[in-house]
Amino acid sequence: MFLMDIVFMIISSLILV
């Protein structure tokens, strides 16, 4: 499911920030 990719993207963004 691509949904996991979206969630991962959000988490990655938080970590990046």
N, C-alpha and C. Protein backbone atom coordinates (compact mmCIF):
# COMPACT_ATOMS: atom_id res chain seq x y z
N MET A 1 0.86 -1.21 0.00
CA MET A 1 0.00 0.00 0.00
C MET A 1 0.89 1.25 0.00
N PHE A 2 0.48 2.21 -0.80
CA PHE A 2 1.27 3.44 -0.86
C PHE A 2 1.04 4.30 0.38
N LEU A 3 -0.01 3.97 1.14
CA LEU A 3 -0.31 4.76 2.35
C LEU A 3 0.91 4.79 3.27
N MET A 4 1.58 3.65 3.39
CA MET A 4 2.77 3.59 4.26
C MET A 4 3.82 4.60 3.80
N ASP A 5 3.95 4.72 2.49
CA ASP A 5 4.94 5.68 1.96
C ASP A 5 4.60 7.09 2.41
N ILE A 6 3.32 7.43 2.38
CA ILE A 6 2.91 8.78 2.79
C ILE A 6 3.23 8.98 4.27
N VAL A 7 2.87 8.00 5.07
CA VAL A 7 3.14 8.12 6.53
C VAL A 7 4.64 8.23 6.75
N PHE A 8 5.41 7.42 6.07
CA PHE A 8 6.86 7.46 6.24
C PHE A 8 7.41 8.83 5.85
N MET A 9 6.85 9.41 4.79
CA MET A 9 7.29 10.73 4.34
C MET A 9 7.06 11.77 5.43
N ILE A 10 5.90 11.70 6.07
CA ILE A 10 5.59 12.66 7.13
C ILE A 10 6.57 12.48 8.29
N ILE A 11 6.81 11.25 8.69
CA ILE A 11 7.74 11.00 9.80
C ILE A 11 9.14 11.47 9.42
N SER A 12 9.53 11.18 8.21
CA SER A 12 10.86 11.59 7.76
C SER A 12 10.98 13.12 7.82
N SER A 13 9.92 13.80 7.42
CA SER A 13 9.94 15.27 7.43
C SER A 13 10.14 15.77 8.86
N LEU A 14 9.46 15.14 9.80
CA LEU A 14 9.60 15.57 11.21
C LEU A 14 11.03 15.36 11.68
N ILE A 15 11.61 14.24 11.30
CA ILE A 15 12.99 13.94 11.72
C ILE A 15 13.95 14.93 11.06
N LEU A 16 13.69 15.23 9.79
CA LEU A 16 14.54 16.17 9.07
C LEU A 16 14.51 17.51 9.77
N VAL A 17 13.33 17.92 10.20
CA VAL A 17 13.19 19.23 10.87
C VAL A 17 13.77 19.09 12.28
